[in-house]
């Protein structure tokens, strides 16, 4: 490829974005950490639910299933999105019944036999707002895997279910799946209101309820999920200077304010569901192109470009206003501002102003 060409995927990006491969890579990474650094460090990777790839790990899954009778599990096709093919179950016979489902054609049955699924322990105690379940959609931009260089976008949103949460019914997809593609088919869906909160609004709500310190700790744990998941695939992704990747992370909070990684999307939807959503996604696309910098306007030393903050650059990146002598102290903070004010236009005007004697492009 010529020097100026850029492609918005790495060649084998699916190592992180297919549900079964993501879990396989995270399990391997955790095991290597435990061997090389110790159990304490490996425990920082305990952010994904117990998961098995089917059919290959079916027997391991059955053993685990029998250890916790009555618990709820969720079944997902490894390579589908928008909530397609997902269902909850509590009995092994539900899987068998689903495979034998007489309503499907022979062709569909054959496809189901071949297609891989993951069976994942369902998080039965999600954090609820107004009785409704939600998850976070957060954007991470990777411009290089060797060395690892990752940017975190300040904006994102919480996606809410339209039905109040209850474990008494596990068949109601509007209650358990927060995907907009699912929710917008609900009979009482209002396209004006939608089912979204901007991340700033959500962070303010949580801070008012639980205090600033608790929520700052929560967001640090979310940062940890981004970095560890990218490190888990760093050695297997085929790096290429022509490639970049915009990932859409789905994070779920439980009642104890523990964040869980649900999945990572390779092509997060840019379809807006409201005017606010439209503006946010347009800014996201524009800033992604600003960071990729095909015009060569950046120096390469920037820690912030528009709504993006440089989170990792072959090591953790710290905020500008921090004195390096304070390393290891509480004031030494990561250069991430998820859910904080996004004054991107002001920052871009300052960043991309012309040099003396240079005409503005």
Protein backbone atom coordinates (compact mmCIF):
# COMPACT_ATOMS: atom_id res chain seq x y z
CA UNK A 1 0.00 0.00 0.00
CA UNK A 2 1.12 3.55 -0.65
CA UNK A 3 2.32 5.71 2.25
CA UNK A 4 -0.86 7.81 2.49
CA UNK A 5 -3.33 4.88 2.56
CA UNK A 6 -5.22 4.18 5.81
CA UNK A 7 -7.58 1.27 6.57
CA UNK A 8 -10.01 1.28 9.50
CA UNK A 9 -9.31 -2.32 10.62
CA UNK A 10 -6.26 -4.37 11.50
CA UNK A 11 -6.08 -7.54 9.46
CA UNK A 12 -7.10 -9.92 12.27
CA UNK A 13 -9.03 -7.49 14.48
CA UNK A 14 -11.48 -10.33 15.23
CA UNK A 15 -9.01 -11.66 17.86
CA UNK A 16 -10.57 -9.09 20.19
CA UNK A 17 -14.00 -8.60 18.65
CA UNK A 18 -15.24 -12.18 18.27
CA UNK A 19 -16.70 -13.20 21.62
CA UNK A 20 -14.98 -16.60 21.82
CA UNK A 21 -11.54 -15.31 20.74
CA UNK A 22 -11.71 -12.33 23.12
CA UNK A 23 -12.27 -14.67 26.07
CA UNK A 24 -9.60 -17.12 24.86
CA UNK A 25 -7.03 -14.31 24.62
CA UNK A 26 -8.00 -12.82 27.99
CA UNK A 27 -7.78 -16.23 29.72
CA UNK A 28 -4.34 -16.85 28.21
CA UNK A 29 -3.14 -13.37 29.17
CA UNK A 30 -4.37 -13.84 32.76
CA UNK A 31 -2.66 -17.23 33.01
CA UNK A 32 0.64 -15.79 31.71
CA UNK A 33 0.43 -12.90 34.19
CA UNK A 34 -0.12 -15.31 37.07
CA UNK A 35 2.89 -17.36 35.99
CA UNK A 36 5.23 -14.42 35.32
CA UNK A 37 4.17 -11.73 37.80
CA UNK A 38 1.92 -13.39 40.37
CA UNK A 39 -1.69 -13.86 41.36
CA UNK A 40 -2.12 -10.27 42.55
CA UNK A 41 -1.44 -8.88 39.06
CA UNK A 42 -3.53 -11.61 37.39
CA UNK A 43 -6.50 -10.66 39.61
CA UNK A 44 -6.66 -7.32 37.73
CA UNK A 45 -8.02 -9.33 34.77
CA UNK A 46 -11.08 -10.60 36.67
CA UNK A 47 -13.45 -8.37 34.71
CA UNK A 48 -15.18 -10.77 32.31
CA UNK A 49 -17.91 -13.26 33.29
CA UNK A 50 -17.24 -17.01 33.37
CA UNK A 51 -17.48 -18.00 29.68
CA UNK A 52 -17.24 -21.19 27.62
CA UNK A 53 -16.96 -21.63 23.86
CA UNK A 54 -19.52 -24.12 22.50
CA UNK A 55 -19.42 -26.75 21.19
CA UNK A 56 -15.65 -27.20 21.91
CA UNK A 57 -15.88 -26.57 25.70
CA UNK A 58 -19.32 -28.09 26.21
CA UNK A 59 -18.17 -30.65 28.82
CA UNK A 60 -16.33 -28.00 30.85
CA UNK A 61 -19.43 -25.84 30.68
CA UNK A 62 -21.68 -28.68 31.93
CA UNK A 63 -19.35 -29.23 34.93
CA UNK A 64 -19.51 -25.53 35.87
CA UNK A 65 -23.25 -25.43 35.21
CA UNK A 66 -23.85 -28.28 37.66
CA UNK A 67 -21.76 -26.56 40.36
CA UNK A 68 -24.22 -23.67 40.56
CA UNK A 69 -27.76 -25.04 40.04
CA UNK A 70 -30.47 -22.46 39.41
CA UNK A 71 -28.13 -19.76 38.12
CA UNK A 72 -28.88 -17.94 34.87
CA UNK A 73 -26.70 -18.23 31.76
CA UNK A 74 -26.75 -16.33 28.49
CA UNK A 75 -26.07 -17.85 25.08
CA UNK A 76 -24.58 -15.69 22.29
CA UNK A 77 -23.45 -16.42 18.72
CA UNK A 78 -19.73 -15.53 18.56
CA UNK A 79 -19.85 -13.39 15.42
CA UNK A 80 -23.23 -11.64 15.46
CA UNK A 81 -24.15 -8.21 16.77
CA UNK A 82 -27.21 -6.13 17.70
CA UNK A 83 -28.53 -8.81 20.03
CA UNK A 84 -29.21 -11.34 17.24
CA UNK A 85 -29.50 -14.99 18.34
CA UNK A 86 -29.08 -14.25 22.08
CA UNK A 87 -31.19 -16.02 24.71
CA UNK A 88 -31.10 -16.72 28.46
CA UNK A 89 -31.48 -20.16 30.02
CA UNK A 90 -31.43 -21.95 33.39
CA UNK A 91 -31.72 -25.59 32.32
CA UNK A 92 -29.48 -27.69 30.11
CA UNK A 93 -32.54 -29.01 28.32
CA UNK A 94 -33.18 -25.43 27.07
CA UNK A 95 -30.08 -25.75 24.89
CA UNK A 96 -31.18 -29.13 23.63
CA UNK A 97 -34.73 -27.85 22.97
CA UNK A 98 -33.29 -24.87 21.10
CA UNK A 99 -31.19 -27.16 18.88
CA UNK A 100 -34.22 -29.32 18.16
CA UNK A 101 -36.53 -26.33 17.62
CA UNK A 102 -39.04 -27.55 15.06
CA UNK A 103 -39.91 -24.06 13.81
CA UNK A 104 -36.58 -23.68 12.02
CA UNK A 105 -35.84 -24.96 8.55
CA UNK A 106 -33.27 -27.72 7.97
CA UNK A 107 -30.91 -25.12 6.52
CA UNK A 108 -31.12 -22.98 9.67
CA UNK A 109 -30.58 -26.05 11.85
CA UNK A 110 -27.47 -26.99 9.90
CA UNK A 111 -26.15 -23.43 10.24
CA UNK A 112 -26.79 -23.53 14.00
CA UNK A 113 -24.87 -26.81 14.32
CA UNK A 114 -21.85 -25.28 12.62
CA UNK A 115 -21.98 -21.82 14.17
CA UNK A 116 -20.04 -21.36 17.39
CA UNK A 117 -21.65 -19.88 20.48
CA UNK A 118 -20.46 -18.75 23.88
CA UNK A 119 -22.30 -19.67 27.07
CA UNK A 120 -21.65 -16.97 29.65
CA UNK A 121 -22.74 -16.67 33.26
CA UNK A 122 -25.43 -13.97 33.29
CA UNK A 123 -24.81 -11.06 35.65
CA UNK A 124 -27.88 -11.41 37.84
CA UNK A 125 -27.29 -8.29 39.96
CA UNK A 126 -26.87 -5.43 37.43
CA UNK A 127 -26.80 -1.85 38.68
CA UNK A 128 -30.27 -0.42 38.04
CA UNK A 129 -31.42 3.17 37.47
CA UNK A 130 -35.19 3.61 37.89
CA UNK A 131 -35.42 -0.19 37.97
CA UNK A 132 -33.89 -0.52 34.50
CA UNK A 133 -30.74 -2.29 33.37
CA UNK A 134 -28.16 -0.42 31.28
CA UNK A 135 -24.66 -0.79 29.88
CA UNK A 136 -22.01 1.70 28.75
CA UNK A 137 -20.82 2.13 25.16
CA UNK A 138 -17.29 3.58 25.20
CA UNK A 139 -14.97 4.28 22.25
CA UNK A 140 -11.28 3.34 22.15
CA UNK A 141 -9.10 4.14 19.14
CA UNK A 142 -5.93 2.09 18.54
CA UNK A 143 -3.46 3.59 16.05
CA UNK A 144 -0.68 1.02 16.63
CA UNK A 145 -0.16 -2.32 18.36
CA UNK A 146 3.67 -2.24 18.12
CA UNK A 147 4.16 -0.19 20.20
CA UNK A 148 0.65 -0.13 21.66
CA UNK A 149 -0.89 3.33 21.25
CA UNK A 150 -4.50 3.77 22.38
CA UNK A 151 -6.81 6.78 22.71
CA UNK A 152 -9.96 7.02 24.84
CA UNK A 153 -12.91 9.17 23.72
CA UNK A 154 -14.47 11.40 26.38
CA UNK A 155 -18.05 10.92 25.20
CA UNK A 156 -20.11 7.75 25.08
CA UNK A 157 -23.51 6.76 26.36
CA UNK A 158 -25.49 4.48 28.63
CA UNK A 159 -28.01 2.26 26.81
CA UNK A 160 -31.10 1.44 28.86
CA UNK A 161 -33.64 -1.32 28.58
CA UNK A 162 -37.24 -0.18 28.19
CA UNK A 163 -38.67 -2.67 30.71
CA UNK A 164 -38.03 -2.82 34.46
CA UNK A 165 -35.53 -5.54 35.37
CA UNK A 166 -36.60 -8.81 36.97
CA UNK A 167 -35.15 -12.32 37.03
CA UNK A 168 -38.63 -13.82 37.22
CA UNK A 169 -38.87 -13.59 33.42
CA UNK A 170 -35.81 -14.57 31.38
CA UNK A 171 -37.61 -14.57 28.01
CA UNK A 172 -38.23 -10.82 27.76
CA UNK A 173 -35.47 -9.46 25.49
CA UNK A 174 -36.56 -5.86 26.12
CA UNK A 175 -35.73 -6.36 29.80
CA UNK A 176 -32.37 -8.12 29.48
CA UNK A 177 -30.78 -6.80 26.26
CA UNK A 178 -29.84 -3.11 26.11
CA UNK A 179 -28.90 -3.04 22.39
CA UNK A 180 -30.63 -0.15 20.62
CA UNK A 181 -31.37 -2.47 17.67
CA UNK A 182 -33.47 -4.57 20.08
CA UNK A 183 -34.99 -1.74 22.14
CA UNK A 184 -36.28 0.25 19.15
CA UNK A 185 -38.59 -2.65 18.24
CA UNK A 186 -40.28 -2.47 21.68
CA UNK A 187 -43.99 -1.51 21.46
CA UNK A 188 -43.56 1.52 23.79
CA UNK A 189 -40.27 2.79 22.30
CA UNK A 190 -40.20 6.58 21.89
CA UNK A 191 -37.66 7.63 19.20
CA UNK A 192 -37.57 11.19 20.65
CA UNK A 193 -36.60 10.04 24.13
CA UNK A 194 -34.72 6.92 23.03
CA UNK A 195 -33.09 4.76 25.69
CA UNK A 196 -29.80 6.61 26.08
CA UNK A 197 -28.03 8.84 28.55
CA UNK A 198 -24.89 10.72 27.59
CA UNK A 199 -21.89 9.49 29.60
CA UNK A 200 -21.45 12.92 31.24
CA UNK A 201 -25.01 12.73 32.56
CA UNK A 202 -24.46 9.19 33.82
CA UNK A 203 -21.18 10.08 35.55
CA UNK A 204 -22.82 13.08 37.25
CA UNK A 205 -25.72 10.89 38.45
CA UNK A 206 -23.37 8.22 39.87
CA UNK A 207 -21.12 10.84 41.50
CA UNK A 208 -24.11 12.53 43.17
CA UNK A 209 -25.29 9.17 44.49
CA UNK A 210 -22.02 7.51 45.55
CA UNK A 211 -19.49 10.32 45.95
CA UNK A 212 -16.62 11.48 43.79
CA UNK A 213 -13.96 9.15 45.19
CA UNK A 214 -16.00 5.97 44.63
CA UNK A 215 -16.83 6.92 41.03
CA UNK A 216 -13.23 7.91 40.23
CA UNK A 217 -12.18 4.44 41.43
CA UNK A 218 -14.89 2.89 39.22
CA UNK A 219 -13.66 4.79 36.14
CA UNK A 220 -10.05 3.75 36.89
CA UNK A 221 -11.23 0.13 36.90
CA UNK A 222 -12.91 0.75 33.52
CA UNK A 223 -9.60 2.19 32.20
CA UNK A 224 -7.92 -1.02 33.41
CA UNK A 225 -10.36 -3.08 31.27
CA UNK A 226 -9.38 -1.16 28.12
CA UNK A 227 -5.63 -1.50 28.66
CA UNK A 228 -5.63 -5.18 29.76
CA UNK A 229 -7.91 -6.29 26.93
CA UNK A 230 -5.69 -4.57 24.33
CA UNK A 231 -2.56 -6.06 25.91
CA UNK A 232 -4.15 -9.52 25.77
CA UNK A 233 -4.18 -9.39 21.95
CA UNK A 234 -1.11 -7.20 21.39
CA UNK A 235 1.12 -10.13 20.40
CA UNK A 236 -1.41 -11.78 18.10
CA UNK A 237 -2.75 -8.77 16.15
CA UNK A 238 -0.92 -8.27 12.85
CA UNK A 239 0.34 -4.71 13.22
CA UNK A 240 0.45 -2.45 10.17
CA UNK A 241 1.23 1.29 10.09
CA UNK A 242 -1.56 1.72 7.51
CA UNK A 243 -4.22 0.41 9.93
CA UNK A 244 -6.20 1.82 12.82
CA UNK A 245 -9.17 0.48 14.77
CA UNK A 246 -12.10 2.19 16.47
CA UNK A 247 -13.48 -0.23 19.05
CA UNK A 248 -16.88 0.08 20.73
CA UNK A 249 -16.58 -1.37 24.25
CA UNK A 250 -19.70 -2.57 26.08
CA UNK A 251 -19.29 -2.35 29.86
CA UNK A 252 -21.90 -3.46 32.41
CA UNK A 253 -21.93 -2.35 36.07
CA UNK A 254 -23.20 -4.59 38.84
CA UNK A 255 -24.79 -3.53 42.15
CA UNK A 256 -21.36 -3.41 43.80
CA UNK A 257 -20.17 -0.91 41.13
CA UNK A 258 -17.86 -3.51 39.62
CA UNK A 259 -17.44 -3.05 35.85
CA UNK A 260 -17.70 -6.12 33.58
CA UNK A 261 -16.52 -6.36 29.99
CA UNK A 262 -19.41 -7.77 27.95
CA UNK A 263 -17.94 -7.48 24.46
CA UNK A 264 -15.84 -5.38 22.10
CA UNK A 265 -17.31 -4.29 18.75
CA UNK A 266 -15.16 -3.92 15.63
CA UNK A 267 -17.64 -1.72 13.78
CA UNK A 268 -19.61 0.18 16.43
CA UNK A 269 -22.80 1.66 15.01
CA UNK A 270 -22.67 5.28 13.88
CA UNK A 271 -26.42 5.43 13.26
CA UNK A 272 -27.87 8.17 15.49
CA UNK A 273 -31.03 7.65 17.54
CA UNK A 274 -31.48 11.35 18.50
CA UNK A 275 -30.11 14.80 17.67
CA UNK A 276 -27.74 14.61 20.66
CA UNK A 277 -26.55 11.19 19.49
CA UNK A 278 -26.06 12.52 15.94
CA UNK A 279 -23.83 15.36 17.13
CA UNK A 280 -21.77 13.07 19.35
CA UNK A 281 -21.18 10.50 16.60
CA UNK A 282 -20.28 13.14 13.99
CA UNK A 283 -17.71 14.57 16.44
CA UNK A 284 -16.39 11.06 17.14
CA UNK A 285 -15.84 10.35 13.42
CA UNK A 286 -14.25 13.76 12.85
CA UNK A 287 -11.89 13.36 15.82
CA UNK A 288 -10.98 9.82 14.76
CA UNK A 289 -9.79 11.26 11.43
CA UNK A 290 -8.00 14.05 13.30
CA UNK A 291 -6.01 11.48 15.33
CA UNK A 292 -5.30 9.30 12.27
CA UNK A 293 -3.97 12.58 10.78
CA UNK A 294 -3.70 11.81 7.08
CA UNK A 295 -2.72 15.45 6.38
CA UNK A 296 0.29 15.30 8.71
CA UNK A 297 -0.83 18.27 10.84
CA UNK A 298 0.14 16.75 14.22
CA UNK A 299 3.61 16.52 15.77
CA UNK A 300 3.02 12.99 17.16
CA UNK A 301 3.59 14.18 20.75
CA UNK A 302 0.00 15.25 21.46
CA UNK A 303 -1.73 13.89 24.56
CA UNK A 304 -5.10 15.18 23.45
CA UNK A 305 -6.73 15.64 20.05
CA UNK A 306 -10.32 16.92 20.11
CA UNK A 307 -12.37 14.56 22.26
CA UNK A 308 -9.62 11.92 22.42
CA UNK A 309 -7.12 11.59 25.27
CA UNK A 310 -3.99 9.48 24.80
CA UNK A 311 -4.42 6.67 27.33
CA UNK A 312 -1.48 4.38 26.51
CA UNK A 313 1.69 4.99 24.51
CA UNK A 314 3.95 1.95 25.03
CA UNK A 315 3.16 2.54 28.71
CA UNK A 316 0.67 4.57 30.79
CA UNK A 317 0.23 8.25 29.89
CA UNK A 318 -0.18 10.76 32.72
CA UNK A 319 -1.87 14.14 32.82
CA UNK A 320 0.04 17.28 31.86
CA UNK A 321 -0.41 19.00 35.20
CA UNK A 322 1.28 16.24 37.21
CA UNK A 323 4.78 16.59 38.59
CA UNK A 324 6.84 13.48 37.84
CA UNK A 325 8.30 13.62 41.38
CA UNK A 326 4.89 12.61 42.71
CA UNK A 327 5.14 9.20 40.98
CA UNK A 328 3.42 6.56 43.08
CA UNK A 329 1.38 9.07 45.07
CA UNK A 330 -2.37 9.49 44.87
CA UNK A 331 -2.03 12.66 42.77
CA UNK A 332 -0.34 10.79 39.91
CA UNK A 333 -3.31 10.27 37.63
CA UNK A 334 -3.88 8.67 34.24
CA UNK A 335 -4.57 10.86 31.21
CA UNK A 336 -8.19 9.70 30.87
CA UNK A 337 -11.31 11.87 31.13
CA UNK A 338 -14.15 9.48 30.34
CA UNK A 339 -17.51 11.18 30.99
CA UNK A 340 -15.84 14.56 31.66
CA UNK A 341 -16.40 17.84 29.81
CA UNK A 342 -15.57 17.55 26.11
CA UNK A 343 -14.53 21.03 24.93
CA UNK A 344 -13.19 19.53 21.72
CA UNK A 345 -13.78 22.49 19.37
CA UNK A 346 -11.85 24.89 21.62
CA UNK A 347 -9.02 22.36 21.95
CA UNK A 348 -8.87 21.69 18.19
CA UNK A 349 -8.75 25.42 17.38
CA UNK A 350 -5.77 25.77 19.73
CA UNK A 351 -4.08 22.58 18.52
CA UNK A 352 -4.46 23.13 14.78
CA UNK A 353 -3.82 26.89 14.64
CA UNK A 354 -1.40 27.87 11.84
CA UNK A 355 2.26 28.56 12.57
CA UNK A 356 3.49 32.17 12.16
CA UNK A 357 3.60 32.98 8.42
CA UNK A 358 1.61 29.82 7.54
CA UNK A 359 -1.80 30.20 5.91
CA UNK A 360 -4.68 28.35 7.55
CA UNK A 361 -5.63 25.28 5.47
